[in-house]
Amino acid sequence: MRLFIAIELPDEIKKLLEGMRTDIPGSRWVPLEQIHLTISFLGEVDDTTVDLLTGALATIKAPGFNLCFSSTGCFPDRRRPRVLWVGLEPEPLLNSLASLVRESVLACNIPQEERPFSPHITLARLKLPTPREVDAFLDQSQKQVPPVMVREFILFRSLLTSQGAVHTPVKTFALSPP
């Protein structure tokens, strides 16, 4: 199974984020139903390891917290943008959760990226945009996106199809009340 661990966003927040789209030729905007905050991408994981992983993730004890949205941005940089995203205000409890998830994933012998956790919500992937088109996204006045109370994180399966990826929850893990 191809897996990732993420925080699901409420539909009304997804609609606000979807409203940030701009006309950029060659862009692939994330479908509304797939907008989420990835905590950890796992890739292909066998069934035995999935069972071990769900057990490890179930032992995580962490409090809920608020996600507060900040500015837009792009990876790797403004001169060569390939991914457009909306950022989040620094939240120590999110970073702590990401660390606990990482420890659980590594304990199950699932490799993880070396780069540090950078909380953001991917909105589009780009092929060859011109800077002017990307600037229209990056410079737009930030719409008021209200904070989101996070009460759980989810292990998702990502099935690649000819119509795109289909994300299905495998197991949900509750956070304690803040």
Protein backbone atom coordinates (compact mmCIF):
# COMPACT_ATOMS: atom_id res chain seq x y z
CA MET A 1 0.00 0.00 0.00
CA ARG A 2 1.16 3.54 -0.77
CA LEU A 3 0.67 5.49 2.47
CA PHE A 4 0.98 8.90 4.07
CA ILE A 5 0.03 10.43 7.43
CA ALA A 6 -1.87 13.71 7.39
CA ILE A 7 -4.27 16.10 9.05
CA GLU A 8 -7.59 16.40 7.25
CA LEU A 9 -9.06 19.89 6.89
CA PRO A 10 -12.75 20.79 7.17
CA ASP A 11 -14.58 21.20 3.84
CA GLU A 12 -15.21 24.92 4.42
CA ILE A 13 -11.45 25.50 4.85
CA LYS A 14 -10.70 23.47 1.72
CA LYS A 15 -13.14 25.66 -0.22
CA LEU A 16 -11.42 28.83 1.01
CA LEU A 17 -8.02 27.42 -0.01
CA GLU A 18 -9.42 26.33 -3.38
CA GLY A 19 -10.54 29.95 -3.88
CA MET A 20 -6.87 31.01 -3.92
CA ARG A 21 -6.34 29.44 -7.36
CA THR A 22 -5.03 31.70 -10.10
CA ASP A 23 -4.72 31.11 -13.83
CA ILE A 24 -1.28 29.55 -14.37
CA PRO A 25 -0.86 27.59 -17.62
CA GLY A 26 0.57 24.11 -17.02
CA SER A 27 -0.49 24.05 -13.36
CA ARG A 28 -2.11 21.06 -11.71
CA TRP A 29 -4.20 22.29 -8.79
CA VAL A 30 -4.83 19.84 -5.96
CA PRO A 31 -8.47 18.65 -6.12
CA LEU A 32 -10.62 19.98 -3.29
CA GLU A 33 -11.08 16.53 -1.71
CA GLN A 34 -7.31 15.98 -1.56
CA ILE A 35 -6.28 19.20 0.21
CA HIS A 36 -4.63 18.19 3.50
CA LEU A 37 -1.56 18.80 5.68
CA THR A 38 0.95 15.99 5.17
CA ILE A 39 2.86 15.04 8.31
CA SER A 40 4.79 12.15 6.77
CA PHE A 41 4.91 10.48 3.35
CA LEU A 42 5.66 6.76 3.68
CA GLY A 43 5.52 5.38 0.14
CA GLU A 44 4.92 1.66 -0.40
CA VAL A 45 4.42 -0.30 2.83
CA ASP A 46 3.67 -4.03 3.12
CA ASP A 47 0.65 -5.30 5.08
CA THR A 48 2.70 -6.65 8.00
CA THR A 49 4.42 -3.29 8.46
CA VAL A 50 1.06 -1.47 8.19
CA ASP A 51 -0.17 -3.49 11.19
CA LEU A 52 3.00 -2.67 13.12
CA LEU A 53 2.71 1.01 12.13
CA THR A 54 -0.93 1.39 13.20
CA GLY A 55 0.01 -0.09 16.57
CA ALA A 56 2.92 2.33 16.95
CA LEU A 57 0.86 5.37 15.90
CA ALA A 58 -1.89 4.39 18.37
CA THR A 59 0.57 4.85 21.25
CA ILE A 60 1.19 8.52 20.42
CA LYS A 61 -0.06 10.78 23.21
CA ALA A 62 -0.29 14.39 22.07
CA PRO A 63 -2.72 17.25 22.68
CA GLY A 64 -4.90 18.84 20.02
CA PHE A 65 -3.99 22.30 18.75
CA ASN A 66 -4.99 25.08 16.36
CA LEU A 67 -3.61 25.45 12.85
CA CYS A 68 -3.34 29.11 11.90
CA PHE A 69 -2.77 29.93 8.23
CA SER A 70 -0.14 32.40 7.10
CA SER A 71 1.23 33.49 3.73
CA THR A 72 1.57 31.78 0.37
CA GLY A 73 4.86 30.45 -0.95
CA CYS A 74 6.55 28.14 -3.41
CA PHE A 75 9.20 25.42 -3.57
CA PRO A 76 12.05 25.39 -4.33
CA ASP A 77 12.12 29.18 -4.76
CA ARG A 78 10.43 32.08 -6.56
CA ARG A 79 12.80 31.88 -9.57
CA ARG A 80 12.05 28.18 -10.19
CA PRO A 81 8.66 27.45 -8.63
CA ARG A 82 7.43 23.88 -8.89
CA VAL A 83 4.99 23.74 -5.95
CA LEU A 84 2.61 26.45 -4.71
CA TRP A 85 1.51 26.29 -1.09
CA VAL A 86 -0.09 28.12 1.80
CA GLY A 87 1.93 28.19 4.99
CA LEU A 88 1.04 27.85 8.64
CA GLU A 89 2.01 29.92 11.64
CA PRO A 90 4.64 28.20 13.82
CA GLU A 91 2.90 25.76 16.16
CA PRO A 92 5.10 23.84 18.63
CA LEU A 93 2.41 21.20 19.22
CA LEU A 94 2.26 20.43 15.48
CA ASN A 95 6.05 20.11 15.35
CA SER A 96 5.95 17.85 18.40
CA LEU A 97 3.29 15.65 16.76
CA ALA A 98 5.38 15.46 13.57
CA SER A 99 8.40 14.35 15.64
CA LEU A 100 6.39 11.67 17.44
CA VAL A 101 5.01 10.41 14.12
CA ARG A 102 8.53 10.36 12.64
CA GLU A 103 9.84 8.33 15.59
CA SER A 104 6.98 5.83 15.23
CA VAL A 105 7.53 5.50 11.48
CA LEU A 106 11.30 5.02 11.86
CA ALA A 107 10.71 2.43 14.62
CA CYS A 108 8.77 0.43 12.01
CA ASN A 109 11.80 0.57 9.67
CA ILE A 110 10.04 2.83 7.17
CA PRO A 111 12.57 5.28 5.67
CA GLN A 112 11.90 9.00 6.05
CA GLU A 113 13.20 12.07 4.26
CA GLU A 114 16.17 13.76 5.92
CA ARG A 115 14.90 17.31 5.40
CA PRO A 116 13.13 18.87 8.38
CA PHE A 117 9.34 19.02 8.65
CA SER A 118 8.08 22.16 6.90
CA PRO A 119 4.35 22.60 7.61
CA HIS A 120 2.47 23.74 4.51
CA ILE A 121 -0.54 22.80 2.42
CA THR A 122 0.27 22.09 -1.21
CA LEU A 123 -2.21 23.74 -3.55
CA ALA A 124 -0.60 23.25 -6.99
CA ARG A 125 2.23 21.61 -8.89
CA LEU A 126 3.74 23.52 -11.81
CA LYS A 127 5.50 22.63 -15.04
CA LEU A 128 6.98 25.77 -16.62
CA PRO A 129 5.20 28.86 -15.27
CA THR A 130 6.38 32.37 -15.93
CA PRO A 131 7.32 34.42 -12.87
CA ARG A 132 4.51 36.91 -13.57
CA GLU A 133 1.87 34.17 -13.38
CA VAL A 134 3.30 32.76 -10.17
CA ASP A 135 3.55 36.27 -8.70
CA ALA A 136 -0.23 36.62 -9.17
CA PHE A 137 -0.65 33.69 -6.76
CA LEU A 138 2.11 34.69 -4.34
CA ASP A 139 1.13 38.36 -4.17
CA GLN A 140 -2.62 37.96 -3.80
CA SER A 141 -4.03 39.46 -0.66
CA GLN A 142 -4.28 36.68 1.87
CA LYS A 143 -7.90 35.66 2.21
CA GLN A 144 -9.02 35.32 5.78
CA VAL A 145 -8.76 31.60 6.50
CA PRO A 146 -9.87 30.94 10.09
CA PRO A 147 -7.86 28.71 12.42
CA VAL A 148 -8.62 24.99 12.42
CA MET A 149 -8.80 22.96 15.62
CA VAL A 150 -6.89 19.70 15.09
CA ARG A 151 -8.28 16.79 17.08
CA GLU A 152 -6.85 13.84 15.12
CA PHE A 153 -4.39 12.65 12.51
CA ILE A 154 -5.00 10.01 9.88
CA LEU A 155 -3.09 7.25 8.13
CA PHE A 156 -4.15 7.43 4.46
CA ARG A 157 -3.80 5.05 1.55
CA SER A 158 -3.05 6.74 -1.78
CA LEU A 159 -4.13 4.71 -4.79
CA LEU A 160 -2.76 6.03 -8.09
CA THR A 161 -5.29 5.78 -10.93
CA SER A 162 -5.44 7.12 -14.47
CA GLN A 163 -7.76 9.87 -13.15
CA GLY A 164 -5.32 10.81 -10.37
CA ALA A 165 -4.69 9.71 -6.79
CA VAL A 166 -7.53 8.51 -4.59
CA HIS A 167 -6.96 9.03 -0.86
CA THR A 168 -8.72 6.67 1.56
CA PRO A 169 -8.42 6.78 5.36
CA VAL A 170 -6.92 3.58 6.79
CA LYS A 171 -7.04 4.52 10.48
CA THR A 172 -7.72 7.67 12.49
CA PHE A 173 -5.79 8.51 15.67
CA ALA A 174 -7.30 10.85 18.24
CA LEU A 175 -5.37 13.60 19.97
CA SER A 176 -6.13 14.46 23.59
CA PRO A 177 -8.14 17.60 24.38
CA PRO A 178 -5.90 20.69 24.45
